[in-house]
C-alpha cells in the first residue's frame, strides 16, 4: 500500500461518482478530482465508504467543489504502454466531506 498520511483540502470533481460493490457486500463510491493550484493541478482518486457512499452520489456532481478530509496513499502501477516507466496514483480514502461550491441546476430570474 505504501505511505499513508492525512489530507485535508478543497477539490474539484472531474467525473460523476461511480458506485462499486466489493465481493457483492461492501459498496464504495469512486471518482477522480483535481486539486486546483496556480501552476500544476494534481489529479486524485477519491474513495468513499459506509454512509458517505449514497450521500456523495446523491448530492455532488461534476464541477462541484468539496472540502474533504481523509487518508492519502500512493499506489504504484505499471504503465501498459511504457513498460520501463512506473506511474503513481494518488488515492484518498475520505472520512469527512463538506460542500464548498455546488453547481445549481435551477435558473434564477
C-alpha atoms as a PDB file:
ATOM      1  CA  UNK A   1       0.000   0.000   0.000  1.00  0.00           C
ATOM      2  CA  UNK A   2       2.811   2.453   0.654  1.00  0.00           C
ATOM      3  CA  UNK A   3       2.991   5.521   2.864  1.00  0.00           C
ATOM      4  CA  UNK A   4      -0.235   6.802   4.446  1.00  0.00           C
ATOM      5  CA  UNK A   5      -0.822  10.399   5.547  1.00  0.00           C
ATOM      6  CA  UNK A   6      -3.786  12.599   6.461  1.00  0.00           C
ATOM      7  CA  UNK A   7      -5.106  15.019   3.817  1.00  0.00           C
ATOM      8  CA  UNK A   8      -7.491  17.965   4.067  1.00  0.00           C
ATOM      9  CA  UNK A   9      -8.304  20.285   1.181  1.00  0.00           C
ATOM     10  CA  UNK A  10     -10.689  21.638  -1.411  1.00  0.00           C
ATOM     11  CA  UNK A  11     -11.026  19.628  -4.622  1.00  0.00           C
ATOM     12  CA  UNK A  12     -12.977  19.928  -7.877  1.00  0.00           C
ATOM     13  CA  UNK A  13     -14.983  16.909  -9.053  1.00  0.00           C
ATOM     14  CA  UNK A  14     -13.963  15.823 -12.582  1.00  0.00           C
ATOM     15  CA  UNK A  15     -16.307  12.892 -13.201  1.00  0.00           C
ATOM     16  CA  UNK A  16     -19.606  11.508 -11.953  1.00  0.00           C
ATOM     17  CA  UNK A  17     -19.348   9.286  -8.859  1.00  0.00           C
ATOM     18  CA  UNK A  18     -19.376   5.557  -9.634  1.00  0.00           C
ATOM     19  CA  UNK A  19     -20.783   3.082  -7.118  1.00  0.00           C
ATOM     20  CA  UNK A  20     -18.854  -0.208  -6.972  1.00  0.00           C
ATOM     21  CA  UNK A  21     -19.547  -3.360  -4.949  1.00  0.00           C
ATOM     22  CA  UNK A  22     -16.625  -5.309  -3.462  1.00  0.00           C
ATOM     23  CA  UNK A  23     -17.341  -9.035  -3.007  1.00  0.00           C
ATOM     24  CA  UNK A  24     -21.050  -8.271  -3.608  1.00  0.00           C
ATOM     25  CA  UNK A  25     -21.271  -6.991   0.000  1.00  0.00           C
ATOM     26  CA  UNK A  26     -19.369  -3.753   0.530  1.00  0.00           C
ATOM     27  CA  UNK A  27     -20.260  -0.703  -1.547  1.00  0.00           C
ATOM     28  CA  UNK A  28     -17.831   2.112  -2.303  1.00  0.00           C
ATOM     29  CA  UNK A  29     -18.042   5.233  -4.435  1.00  0.00           C
ATOM     30  CA  UNK A  30     -15.049   6.169  -6.531  1.00  0.00           C
ATOM     31  CA  UNK A  31     -14.258   9.164  -8.770  1.00  0.00           C
ATOM     32  CA  UNK A  32     -11.444  11.463  -9.868  1.00  0.00           C
ATOM     33  CA  UNK A  33     -10.926  15.019  -8.629  1.00  0.00           C
ATOM     34  CA  UNK A  34      -8.281  17.695  -9.032  1.00  0.00           C
ATOM     35  CA  UNK A  35      -6.593  19.959  -6.525  1.00  0.00           C
ATOM     36  CA  UNK A  36      -6.779  23.456  -8.047  1.00  0.00           C
ATOM     37  CA  UNK A  37      -3.391  25.167  -7.918  1.00  0.00           C
ATOM     38  CA  UNK A  38      -1.824  28.095  -9.736  1.00  0.00           C
ATOM     39  CA  UNK A  39       0.829  26.095 -11.552  1.00  0.00           C
ATOM     40  CA  UNK A  40       0.115  22.390 -11.857  1.00  0.00           C
ATOM     41  CA  UNK A  41      -3.188  20.767 -10.994  1.00  0.00           C
ATOM     42  CA  UNK A  42      -2.917  17.372  -9.330  1.00  0.00           C
ATOM     43  CA  UNK A  43      -5.394  14.576 -10.081  1.00  0.00           C
ATOM     44  CA  UNK A  44      -6.537  12.383  -7.164  1.00  0.00           C
ATOM     45  CA  UNK A  45      -8.875   9.420  -6.904  1.00  0.00           C
ATOM     46  CA  UNK A  46     -11.359   9.593  -4.032  1.00  0.00           C
ATOM     47  CA  UNK A  47     -12.857   6.523  -2.380  1.00  0.00           C
ATOM     48  CA  UNK A  48     -15.904   6.769  -0.086  1.00  0.00           C
ATOM     49  CA  UNK A  49     -17.076   4.001   2.292  1.00  0.00           C
ATOM     50  CA  UNK A  50     -20.072   3.472   4.550  1.00  0.00           C
ATOM     51  CA  UNK A  51     -22.798   6.105   4.808  1.00  0.00           C
ATOM     52  CA  UNK A  52     -20.908   8.544   2.583  1.00  0.00           C
ATOM     53  CA  UNK A  53     -21.392   6.269  -0.466  1.00  0.00           C
ATOM     54  CA  UNK A  54     -25.011   7.186  -1.163  1.00  0.00           C
ATOM     55  CA  UNK A  55     -24.698  10.758   0.115  1.00  0.00           C
ATOM     56  CA  UNK A  56     -21.889  11.636  -2.300  1.00  0.00           C
ATOM     57  CA  UNK A  57     -23.642  10.044  -5.276  1.00  0.00           C
ATOM     58  CA  UNK A  58     -26.889  11.863  -4.452  1.00  0.00           C
ATOM     59  CA  UNK A  59     -25.657  15.402  -3.723  1.00  0.00           C
ATOM     60  CA  UNK A  60     -22.455  16.029  -5.683  1.00  0.00           C
ATOM     61  CA  UNK A  61     -21.821  16.242  -9.431  1.00  0.00           C
ATOM     62  CA  UNK A  62     -19.166  17.253 -11.972  1.00  0.00           C
ATOM     63  CA  UNK A  63     -17.588  20.724 -11.471  1.00  0.00           C
ATOM     64  CA  UNK A  64     -18.636  20.948  -7.791  1.00  0.00           C
ATOM     65  CA  UNK A  65     -16.011  21.941  -5.241  1.00  0.00           C
ATOM     66  CA  UNK A  66     -15.944  19.985  -1.986  1.00  0.00           C
ATOM     67  CA  UNK A  67     -13.842  20.094   1.153  1.00  0.00           C
ATOM     68  CA  UNK A  68     -12.564  16.645   2.066  1.00  0.00           C
ATOM     69  CA  UNK A  69     -10.672  15.063   4.950  1.00  0.00           C
ATOM     70  CA  UNK A  70      -9.162  11.630   4.668  1.00  0.00           C
ATOM     71  CA  UNK A  71      -6.161   9.396   4.403  1.00  0.00           C
ATOM     72  CA  UNK A  72      -3.917   9.687   1.372  1.00  0.00           C
ATOM     73  CA  UNK A  73      -1.969   6.791  -0.088  1.00  0.00           C
ATOM     74  CA  UNK A  74       0.185   6.344  -3.154  1.00  0.00           C
ATOM     75  CA  UNK A  75      -0.122   3.254  -5.312  1.00  0.00           C
ATOM     76  CA  UNK A  76       2.437   2.335  -7.893  1.00  0.00           C
ATOM     77  CA  UNK A  77       1.070   0.964 -11.131  1.00  0.00           C
ATOM     78  CA  UNK A  78       2.852  -0.077 -14.262  1.00  0.00           C
ATOM     79  CA  UNK A  79       2.065   1.828 -17.407  1.00  0.00           C
ATOM     80  CA  UNK A  80       0.958  -0.660 -20.036  1.00  0.00           C
ATOM     81  CA  UNK A  81       2.340   1.379 -22.962  1.00  0.00           C
ATOM     82  CA  UNK A  82       5.756   2.125 -21.486  1.00  0.00           C
ATOM     83  CA  UNK A  83       6.923  -0.957 -19.623  1.00  0.00           C
ATOM     84  CA  UNK A  84      10.031   0.737 -18.260  1.00  0.00           C
ATOM     85  CA  UNK A  85       8.210   3.639 -16.586  1.00  0.00           C
ATOM     86  CA  UNK A  86       6.140   3.209 -13.409  1.00  0.00           C
ATOM     87  CA  UNK A  87       3.461   5.779 -12.649  1.00  0.00           C
ATOM     88  CA  UNK A  88       1.984   6.644  -9.268  1.00  0.00           C
ATOM     89  CA  UNK A  89      -1.692   7.055  -8.495  1.00  0.00           C
ATOM     90  CA  UNK A  90      -2.751   9.153  -5.502  1.00  0.00           C
ATOM     91  CA  UNK A  91      -5.794   7.764  -3.669  1.00  0.00           C
ATOM     92  CA  UNK A  92      -7.649   9.462  -0.817  1.00  0.00           C
ATOM     93  CA  UNK A  93      -9.949   7.396   1.381  1.00  0.00           C
ATOM     94  CA  UNK A  94     -12.377  10.084   2.523  1.00  0.00           C
ATOM     95  CA  UNK A  95     -13.529  10.229   6.152  1.00  0.00           C
ATOM     96  CA  UNK A  96     -15.457  13.544   6.001  1.00  0.00           C
ATOM     97  CA  UNK A  97     -16.869  15.622   3.146  1.00  0.00           C
ATOM     98  CA  UNK A  98     -18.364  19.123   3.167  1.00  0.00           C
ATOM     99  CA  UNK A  99     -19.938  21.114   0.305  1.00  0.00           C
ATOM    100  CA  UNK A 100     -17.951  24.187  -0.736  1.00  0.00           C
ATOM    101  CA  UNK A 101     -19.200  25.469  -4.116  1.00  0.00           C
ATOM    102  CA  UNK A 102     -22.010  23.478  -5.679  1.00  0.00           C
ATOM    103  CA  UNK A 103     -23.327  23.912  -9.198  1.00  0.00           C
ATOM    104  CA  UNK A 104     -27.035  24.724  -9.123  1.00  0.00           C
ATOM    105  CA  UNK A 105     -29.444  23.200 -11.651  1.00  0.00           C
ATOM    106  CA  UNK A 106     -32.016  25.928 -11.036  1.00  0.00           C
ATOM    107  CA  UNK A 107     -32.123  29.122 -13.079  1.00  0.00           C
ATOM    108  CA  UNK A 108     -32.912  32.247 -11.084  1.00  0.00           C
ATOM    109  CA  UNK A 109     -34.507  35.284 -12.722  1.00  0.00           C
END
